[in-house]
Amino acid sequence: MSAEAEALPIPPHLASEFYLWLWWSTEERATIFDLGGKVGRIDLWVDDRLAFRNPSEAKVTAVMTGENPADTLEARAALAGGKVVNELRLHLRRGDHEYTFTLKGPAIDVVQAKLPQVVRGEEAIYDRMFLYEELCFVLQALLRQFAAVRASEAWEARLLPAIRHWSLTAEVEQAG
């Protein structure tokens, strides 16, 4: 294990599982997540980029871009071929705020975040700080929900088989 991987707050394979769970959940829930508490209801969907890698390598081996890459045969074929999601661009709507951002790598880095423009002028920096904090707040809630699901007995018993079935049947449905 590399020094970088040892310094991560979570085991590296969990990031790929989190990304796959997000992708699957956006389709299963028709983009609607109820995160409860102060976060509430959000809409979340895979936007215009998915990147895959082989589980034993850090380097990206396949990238799908364009409109709805999550719905392509190529994306499902990457999963069926044993690749794991290394990066995905998401679109998030919470109330009147819309964000586009990419989650990348085993550290679940937030990159290329496009925040809504609410305030202009001198207070714009404070507004951007607030909006970035809001994005992080929602991501923390998503990670908590994933952690609860991942640690539950339902993960191995129902959810993992459902996700595997989804990844394979979607390919067959689109091809037919």
C-alpha atoms as a PDB file:
ATOM      1  CA  MET A   1       0.000   0.000   0.000  1.00  0.00           C
ATOM      2  CA  SER A   2       1.367   3.430  -0.904  1.00  0.00           C
ATOM      3  CA  ALA A   3       2.041   6.129   1.685  1.00  0.00           C
ATOM      4  CA  GLU A   4      -0.749   8.180   0.090  1.00  0.00           C
ATOM      5  CA  ALA A   5      -3.271   5.352   0.486  1.00  0.00           C
ATOM      6  CA  GLU A   6      -2.212   4.804   4.112  1.00  0.00           C
ATOM      7  CA  ALA A   7      -2.937   8.463   4.887  1.00  0.00           C
ATOM      8  CA  LEU A   8      -6.513   8.300   3.559  1.00  0.00           C
ATOM      9  CA  PRO A   9      -9.279   8.577   6.151  1.00  0.00           C
ATOM     10  CA  ILE A  10     -11.130   5.623   4.569  1.00  0.00           C
ATOM     11  CA  PRO A  11      -9.995   2.429   2.836  1.00  0.00           C
ATOM     12  CA  PRO A  12      -9.512   3.187  -0.892  1.00  0.00           C
ATOM     13  CA  HIS A  13     -12.081   0.636  -2.135  1.00  0.00           C
ATOM     14  CA  LEU A  14     -14.862   2.398  -0.232  1.00  0.00           C
ATOM     15  CA  ALA A  15     -14.611   5.473  -2.456  1.00  0.00           C
ATOM     16  CA  SER A  16     -15.368   3.373  -5.533  1.00  0.00           C
ATOM     17  CA  GLU A  17     -18.224   1.694  -3.692  1.00  0.00           C
ATOM     18  CA  PHE A  18     -19.537   5.117  -2.644  1.00  0.00           C
ATOM     19  CA  TYR A  19     -19.411   6.362  -6.249  1.00  0.00           C
ATOM     20  CA  LEU A  20     -21.189   3.258  -7.536  1.00  0.00           C
ATOM     21  CA  TRP A  21     -23.794   3.487  -4.766  1.00  0.00           C
ATOM     22  CA  LEU A  22     -24.417   7.159  -5.661  1.00  0.00           C
ATOM     23  CA  TRP A  23     -24.840   6.301  -9.333  1.00  0.00           C
ATOM     24  CA  TRP A  24     -27.169   3.383  -8.589  1.00  0.00           C
ATOM     25  CA  SER A  25     -29.111   5.373  -5.991  1.00  0.00           C
ATOM     26  CA  THR A  26     -29.703   8.294  -8.357  1.00  0.00           C
ATOM     27  CA  GLU A  27     -31.416   5.900 -10.735  1.00  0.00           C
ATOM     28  CA  GLU A  28     -33.270   3.875  -8.092  1.00  0.00           C
ATOM     29  CA  ARG A  29     -34.599   6.991  -6.371  1.00  0.00           C
ATOM     30  CA  ALA A  30     -35.331   8.939  -9.544  1.00  0.00           C
ATOM     31  CA  THR A  31     -32.699  11.469  -8.388  1.00  0.00           C
ATOM     32  CA  ILE A  32     -34.475  12.236  -5.074  1.00  0.00           C
ATOM     33  CA  PHE A  33     -32.639  11.772  -1.786  1.00  0.00           C
ATOM     34  CA  ASP A  34     -34.187  12.543   1.582  1.00  0.00           C
ATOM     35  CA  LEU A  35     -31.180  13.053   3.824  1.00  0.00           C
ATOM     36  CA  GLY A  36     -33.258  14.087   6.824  1.00  0.00           C
ATOM     37  CA  GLY A  37     -32.281  16.524   9.526  1.00  0.00           C
ATOM     38  CA  LYS A  38     -30.993  19.913   8.461  1.00  0.00           C
ATOM     39  CA  VAL A  39     -30.111  18.739   4.948  1.00  0.00           C
ATOM     40  CA  GLY A  40     -33.573  17.587   3.924  1.00  0.00           C
ATOM     41  CA  ARG A  41     -34.476  16.677   0.362  1.00  0.00           C
ATOM     42  CA  ILE A  42     -32.065  17.035  -2.532  1.00  0.00           C
ATOM     43  CA  ASP A  43     -32.041  16.081  -6.181  1.00  0.00           C
ATOM     44  CA  LEU A  44     -28.846  14.424  -7.362  1.00  0.00           C
ATOM     45  CA  TRP A  45     -27.867  12.865 -10.676  1.00  0.00           C
ATOM     46  CA  VAL A  46     -24.800  11.828 -12.633  1.00  0.00           C
ATOM     47  CA  ASP A  47     -23.994  14.677 -14.975  1.00  0.00           C
ATOM     48  CA  ASP A  48     -21.625  14.452 -17.939  1.00  0.00           C
ATOM     49  CA  ARG A  49     -18.575  12.451 -16.848  1.00  0.00           C
ATOM     50  CA  LEU A  50     -17.721   9.010 -15.499  1.00  0.00           C
ATOM     51  CA  ALA A  51     -14.205   7.611 -15.230  1.00  0.00           C
ATOM     52  CA  PHE A  52     -13.281   4.011 -14.500  1.00  0.00           C
ATOM     53  CA  ARG A  53     -10.125   2.177 -13.477  1.00  0.00           C
ATOM     54  CA  ASN A  54      -9.084  -1.393 -12.887  1.00  0.00           C
ATOM     55  CA  PRO A  55      -9.370  -2.210  -9.168  1.00  0.00           C
ATOM     56  CA  SER A  56      -5.670  -3.048  -8.907  1.00  0.00           C
ATOM     57  CA  GLU A  57      -4.488   0.180 -10.579  1.00  0.00           C
ATOM     58  CA  ALA A  58      -4.730   3.873  -9.758  1.00  0.00           C
ATOM     59  CA  LYS A  59      -4.704   5.054 -13.381  1.00  0.00           C
ATOM     60  CA  VAL A  60      -8.002   5.778 -15.137  1.00  0.00           C
ATOM     61  CA  THR A  61      -8.567   3.349 -18.014  1.00  0.00           C
ATOM     62  CA  ALA A  62     -11.936   4.450 -19.416  1.00  0.00           C
ATOM     63  CA  VAL A  63     -13.729   7.805 -19.483  1.00  0.00           C
ATOM     64  CA  MET A  64     -17.301   8.432 -20.602  1.00  0.00           C
ATOM     65  CA  THR A  65     -18.332  12.025 -21.272  1.00  0.00           C
ATOM     66  CA  GLY A  66     -21.178  13.839 -22.925  1.00  0.00           C
ATOM     67  CA  GLU A  67     -24.883  13.870 -22.297  1.00  0.00           C
ATOM     68  CA  ASN A  68     -25.971  11.100 -19.891  1.00  0.00           C
ATOM     69  CA  PRO A  69     -22.832   8.938 -19.853  1.00  0.00           C
ATOM     70  CA  ALA A  70     -24.386   6.945 -17.006  1.00  0.00           C
ATOM     71  CA  ASP A  71     -26.988   5.639 -19.463  1.00  0.00           C
ATOM     72  CA  THR A  72     -24.513   4.350 -22.040  1.00  0.00           C
ATOM     73  CA  LEU A  73     -23.700   0.760 -22.873  1.00  0.00           C
ATOM     74  CA  GLU A  74     -20.026   1.643 -22.522  1.00  0.00           C
ATOM     75  CA  ALA A  75     -20.455   2.651 -18.887  1.00  0.00           C
ATOM     76  CA  ARG A  76     -22.299  -0.576 -18.052  1.00  0.00           C
ATOM     77  CA  ALA A  77     -19.741  -2.596 -20.023  1.00  0.00           C
ATOM     78  CA  ALA A  78     -16.973  -1.051 -17.926  1.00  0.00           C
ATOM     79  CA  LEU A  79     -18.755  -2.242 -14.768  1.00  0.00           C
ATOM     80  CA  ALA A  80     -19.472  -5.665 -16.245  1.00  0.00           C
ATOM     81  CA  GLY A  81     -15.798  -5.908 -17.218  1.00  0.00           C
ATOM     82  CA  GLY A  82     -14.733  -5.463 -13.601  1.00  0.00           C
ATOM     83  CA  LYS A  83     -13.759  -1.808 -13.671  1.00  0.00           C
ATOM     84  CA  VAL A  84     -14.633   0.430 -10.715  1.00  0.00           C
ATOM     85  CA  VAL A  85     -15.798   4.031 -10.740  1.00  0.00           C
ATOM     86  CA  ASN A  86     -12.893   6.361  -9.976  1.00  0.00           C
ATOM     87  CA  GLU A  87     -14.545   9.668 -10.741  1.00  0.00           C
ATOM     88  CA  LEU A  88     -17.996  10.999 -11.429  1.00  0.00           C
ATOM     89  CA  ARG A  89     -19.455  14.401 -12.089  1.00  0.00           C
ATOM     90  CA  LEU A  90     -22.676  15.067 -10.251  1.00  0.00           C
ATOM     91  CA  HIS A  91     -25.361  17.705 -10.409  1.00  0.00           C
ATOM     92  CA  LEU A  92     -27.006  18.622  -7.115  1.00  0.00           C
ATOM     93  CA  ARG A  93     -30.089  20.709  -6.472  1.00  0.00           C
ATOM     94  CA  ARG A  94     -30.955  21.794  -2.941  1.00  0.00           C
ATOM     95  CA  GLY A  95     -33.732  24.338  -2.799  1.00  0.00           C
ATOM     96  CA  ASP A  96     -32.829  27.183  -5.139  1.00  0.00           C
ATOM     97  CA  HIS A  97     -29.131  26.239  -5.257  1.00  0.00           C
ATOM     98  CA  GLU A  98     -27.651  24.072  -7.997  1.00  0.00           C
ATOM     99  CA  TYR A  99     -24.119  22.689  -7.976  1.00  0.00           C
ATOM    100  CA  THR A 100     -22.079  20.726 -10.470  1.00  0.00           C
ATOM    101  CA  PHE A 101     -18.973  19.030  -9.113  1.00  0.00           C
ATOM    102  CA  THR A 102     -16.709  16.048  -9.595  1.00  0.00           C
ATOM    103  CA  LEU A 103     -15.845  13.476  -6.948  1.00  0.00           C
ATOM    104  CA  LYS A 104     -12.492  11.932  -7.704  1.00  0.00           C
ATOM    105  CA  GLY A 105     -10.190   9.226  -6.446  1.00  0.00           C
ATOM    106  CA  PRO A 106      -9.906   7.241  -3.238  1.00  0.00           C
ATOM    107  CA  ALA A 107      -9.877  10.361  -1.048  1.00  0.00           C
ATOM    108  CA  ILE A 108     -13.253  11.497  -2.461  1.00  0.00           C
ATOM    109  CA  ASP A 109     -11.786  14.810  -3.535  1.00  0.00           C
ATOM    110  CA  VAL A 110     -14.215  17.493  -4.677  1.00  0.00           C
ATOM    111  CA  VAL A 111     -12.824  19.004  -7.870  1.00  0.00           C
ATOM    112  CA  GLN A 112     -14.203  21.311 -10.525  1.00  0.00           C
ATOM    113  CA  ALA A 113     -17.041  22.540  -8.340  1.00  0.00           C
ATOM    114  CA  LYS A 114     -19.381  24.989 -10.036  1.00  0.00           C
ATOM    115  CA  LEU A 115     -21.258  26.890  -7.365  1.00  0.00           C
ATOM    116  CA  PRO A 116     -24.390  28.947  -7.910  1.00  0.00           C
ATOM    117  CA  GLN A 117     -23.838  32.701  -8.238  1.00  0.00           C
ATOM    118  CA  VAL A 118     -26.091  34.353  -5.691  1.00  0.00           C
ATOM    119  CA  VAL A 119     -24.372  37.556  -4.576  1.00  0.00           C
ATOM    120  CA  ARG A 120     -22.128  39.862  -6.573  1.00  0.00           C
ATOM    121  CA  GLY A 121     -19.708  42.505  -5.428  1.00  0.00           C
ATOM    122  CA  GLU A 122     -17.777  42.674  -2.171  1.00  0.00           C
ATOM    123  CA  GLU A 123     -19.800  39.987  -0.421  1.00  0.00           C
ATOM    124  CA  ALA A 124     -19.342  37.439  -3.215  1.00  0.00           C
ATOM    125  CA  ILE A 125     -16.372  35.770  -1.483  1.00  0.00           C
ATOM    126  CA  TYR A 126     -18.418  35.176   1.669  1.00  0.00           C
ATOM    127  CA  ASP A 127     -21.298  33.879  -0.388  1.00  0.00           C
ATOM    128  CA  ARG A 128     -18.990  31.465  -2.237  1.00  0.00           C
ATOM    129  CA  MET A 129     -17.584  30.261   1.080  1.00  0.00           C
ATOM    130  CA  PHE A 130     -21.110  29.630   2.343  1.00  0.00           C
ATOM    131  CA  LEU A 131     -22.088  27.787  -0.840  1.00  0.00           C
ATOM    132  CA  TYR A 132     -18.980  25.597  -0.721  1.00  0.00           C
ATOM    133  CA  GLU A 133     -19.727  24.790   2.926  1.00  0.00           C
ATOM    134  CA  GLU A 134     -23.293  23.920   1.939  1.00  0.00           C
ATOM    135  CA  LEU A 135     -21.989  21.550  -0.740  1.00  0.00           C
ATOM    136  CA  CYS A 136     -19.653  19.905   1.794  1.00  0.00           C
ATOM    137  CA  PHE A 137     -22.525  19.678   4.297  1.00  0.00           C
ATOM    138  CA  VAL A 138     -24.663  17.786   1.777  1.00  0.00           C
ATOM    139  CA  LEU A 139     -21.750  15.520   0.792  1.00  0.00           C
ATOM    140  CA  GLN A 140     -21.173  14.663   4.450  1.00  0.00           C
ATOM    141  CA  ALA A 141     -24.837  13.679   4.755  1.00  0.00           C
ATOM    142  CA  LEU A 142     -24.548  11.493   1.647  1.00  0.00           C
ATOM    143  CA  LEU A 143     -21.417   9.848   3.058  1.00  0.00           C
ATOM    144  CA  ARG A 144     -23.164   9.234   6.384  1.00  0.00           C
ATOM    145  CA  GLN A 145     -26.106   7.643   4.588  1.00  0.00           C
ATOM    146  CA  PHE A 146     -23.759   5.464   2.530  1.00  0.00           C
ATOM    147  CA  ALA A 147     -21.786   4.462   5.638  1.00  0.00           C
ATOM    148  CA  ALA A 148     -24.973   3.427   7.418  1.00  0.00           C
ATOM    149  CA  VAL A 149     -26.112   1.389   4.423  1.00  0.00           C
ATOM    150  CA  ARG A 150     -22.642  -0.099   3.854  1.00  0.00           C
ATOM    151  CA  ALA A 151     -22.324  -1.167   7.496  1.00  0.00           C
ATOM    152  CA  SER A 152     -25.805  -2.697   7.598  1.00  0.00           C
ATOM    153  CA  GLU A 153     -26.658  -6.344   7.035  1.00  0.00           C
ATOM    154  CA  ALA A 154     -28.747  -5.236   4.059  1.00  0.00           C
ATOM    155  CA  TRP A 155     -25.588  -4.349   2.088  1.00  0.00           C
ATOM    156  CA  GLU A 156     -24.467  -7.936   1.489  1.00  0.00           C
ATOM    157  CA  ALA A 157     -27.930  -9.472   1.644  1.00  0.00           C
ATOM    158  CA  ARG A 158     -29.920  -7.165  -0.659  1.00  0.00           C
ATOM    159  CA  LEU A 159     -28.187  -4.040  -1.890  1.00  0.00           C
ATOM    160  CA  LEU A 160     -24.978  -5.430  -3.352  1.00  0.00           C
ATOM    161  CA  PRO A 161     -26.896  -8.116  -5.303  1.00  0.00           C
ATOM    162  CA  ALA A 162     -29.363  -5.431  -6.473  1.00  0.00           C
ATOM    163  CA  ILE A 163     -26.529  -3.189  -7.650  1.00  0.00           C
ATOM    164  CA  ARG A 164     -24.867  -6.085  -9.497  1.00  0.00           C
ATOM    165  CA  HIS A 165     -28.176  -7.013 -11.122  1.00  0.00           C
ATOM    166  CA  TRP A 166     -28.770  -3.375 -12.099  1.00  0.00           C
ATOM    167  CA  SER A 167     -25.341  -3.064 -13.706  1.00  0.00           C
ATOM    168  CA  LEU A 168     -25.887  -6.172 -15.815  1.00  0.00           C
ATOM    169  CA  THR A 169     -29.575  -5.888 -16.706  1.00  0.00           C
ATOM    170  CA  ALA A 170     -29.341  -2.264 -17.794  1.00  0.00           C
ATOM    171  CA  GLU A 171     -26.816  -3.344 -20.415  1.00  0.00           C
ATOM    172  CA  VAL A 172     -29.148  -6.071 -21.675  1.00  0.00           C
ATOM    173  CA  GLU A 173     -32.205  -3.766 -21.670  1.00  0.00           C
ATOM    174  CA  GLN A 174     -30.387  -1.087 -23.678  1.00  0.00           C
ATOM    175  CA  ALA A 175     -29.007  -3.602 -26.174  1.00  0.00           C
ATOM    176  CA  GLY A 176     -32.440  -5.204 -26.713  1.00  0.00           C
END
